[in-house]
Amino acid sequence: MDDFWLNAIWSLTPTVLIGLIFWFVMRSLLRADRTERDTYAKIEAEERAKLAEQQHRAA
């Protein structure tokens, strides 16, 4: 009976490890994407503010 549980653990270990690696990679990608979008939105808002200020001065 000990061989049964040992074989069960050894057969599930690769699947669990691959699942954890996949989860970690996807989590990293999603966090990087969210950070990039936030940074891009901040830069775009700053540029729009500069443009509005320049148009206000010109008027």
C-alpha atoms as a PDB file:
ATOM      1  CA  MET A   1       0.000   0.000   0.000  1.00  0.00           C
ATOM      2  CA  ASP A   2       2.933   2.328   0.586  1.00  0.00           C
ATOM      3  CA  ASP A   3       3.935   1.951  -3.050  1.00  0.00           C
ATOM      4  CA  PHE A   4       0.489   3.107  -4.130  1.00  0.00           C
ATOM      5  CA  TRP A   5       0.717   6.438  -2.262  1.00  0.00           C
ATOM      6  CA  LEU A   6       4.326   6.976  -3.272  1.00  0.00           C
ATOM      7  CA  ASN A   7       3.421   6.392  -6.928  1.00  0.00           C
ATOM      8  CA  ALA A   8       0.422   8.700  -6.597  1.00  0.00           C
ATOM      9  CA  ILE A   9       2.595  11.497  -5.192  1.00  0.00           C
ATOM     10  CA  TRP A  10       5.276  11.007  -7.848  1.00  0.00           C
ATOM     11  CA  SER A  11       2.693  11.034 -10.621  1.00  0.00           C
ATOM     12  CA  LEU A  12       1.008  14.237  -9.416  1.00  0.00           C
ATOM     13  CA  THR A  13       4.179  16.178  -8.598  1.00  0.00           C
ATOM     14  CA  PRO A  14       5.098  17.197 -12.194  1.00  0.00           C
ATOM     15  CA  THR A  15       1.546  18.357 -12.925  1.00  0.00           C
ATOM     16  CA  VAL A  16       1.420  20.440  -9.756  1.00  0.00           C
ATOM     17  CA  LEU A  17       4.849  21.960 -10.405  1.00  0.00           C
ATOM     18  CA  ILE A  18       3.995  22.874 -14.009  1.00  0.00           C
ATOM     19  CA  GLY A  19       0.715  24.373 -12.769  1.00  0.00           C
ATOM     20  CA  LEU A  20       2.555  26.494 -10.206  1.00  0.00           C
ATOM     21  CA  ILE A  21       5.076  27.685 -12.794  1.00  0.00           C
ATOM     22  CA  PHE A  22       2.253  28.572 -15.195  1.00  0.00           C
ATOM     23  CA  TRP A  23       0.415  30.450 -12.436  1.00  0.00           C
ATOM     24  CA  PHE A  24       3.536  32.406 -11.484  1.00  0.00           C
ATOM     25  CA  VAL A  25       4.313  33.367 -15.100  1.00  0.00           C
ATOM     26  CA  MET A  26       0.722  34.458 -15.813  1.00  0.00           C
ATOM     27  CA  ARG A  27       0.594  36.445 -12.573  1.00  0.00           C
ATOM     28  CA  SER A  28       3.835  38.214 -13.488  1.00  0.00           C
ATOM     29  CA  LEU A  29       2.585  39.007 -16.991  1.00  0.00           C
ATOM     30  CA  LEU A  30      -0.702  40.413 -15.724  1.00  0.00           C
ATOM     31  CA  ARG A  31       0.997  42.544 -13.084  1.00  0.00           C
ATOM     32  CA  ALA A  32       3.490  43.884 -15.636  1.00  0.00           C
ATOM     33  CA  ASP A  33       0.648  44.714 -18.021  1.00  0.00           C
ATOM     34  CA  ARG A  34      -1.294  46.505 -15.289  1.00  0.00           C
ATOM     35  CA  THR A  35       1.769  48.515 -14.269  1.00  0.00           C
ATOM     36  CA  GLU A  36       2.513  49.432 -17.876  1.00  0.00           C
ATOM     37  CA  ARG A  37      -1.064  50.597 -18.445  1.00  0.00           C
ATOM     38  CA  ASP A  38      -1.002  52.723 -15.281  1.00  0.00           C
ATOM     39  CA  THR A  39       2.300  54.307 -16.280  1.00  0.00           C
ATOM     40  CA  TYR A  40       1.076  54.964 -19.820  1.00  0.00           C
ATOM     41  CA  ALA A  41      -2.132  56.562 -18.503  1.00  0.00           C
ATOM     42  CA  LYS A  42      -0.127  58.817 -16.185  1.00  0.00           C
ATOM     43  CA  ILE A  43       2.183  59.939 -18.998  1.00  0.00           C
ATOM     44  CA  GLU A  44      -0.761  60.516 -21.324  1.00  0.00           C
ATOM     45  CA  ALA A  45      -2.560  62.622 -18.690  1.00  0.00           C
ATOM     46  CA  GLU A  46       0.570  64.727 -18.193  1.00  0.00           C
ATOM     47  CA  GLU A  47       0.907  65.289 -21.936  1.00  0.00           C
ATOM     48  CA  ARG A  48      -2.768  66.268 -22.246  1.00  0.00           C
ATOM     49  CA  ALA A  49      -2.343  68.738 -19.374  1.00  0.00           C
ATOM     50  CA  LYS A  50       0.699  70.278 -21.097  1.00  0.00           C
ATOM     51  CA  LEU A  51      -1.218  70.556 -24.375  1.00  0.00           C
ATOM     52  CA  ALA A  52      -4.202  72.177 -22.666  1.00  0.00           C
ATOM     53  CA  GLU A  53      -1.899  74.659 -20.924  1.00  0.00           C
ATOM     54  CA  GLN A  54      -0.202  75.545 -24.211  1.00  0.00           C
ATOM     55  CA  GLN A  55      -3.546  76.047 -25.929  1.00  0.00           C
ATOM     56  CA  HIS A  56      -4.752  78.196 -23.041  1.00  0.00           C
ATOM     57  CA  ARG A  57      -1.644  80.410 -23.283  1.00  0.00           C
ATOM     58  CA  ALA A  58      -2.041  80.749 -27.050  1.00  0.00           C
ATOM     59  CA  ALA A  59      -5.667  81.861 -26.766  1.00  0.00           C
END
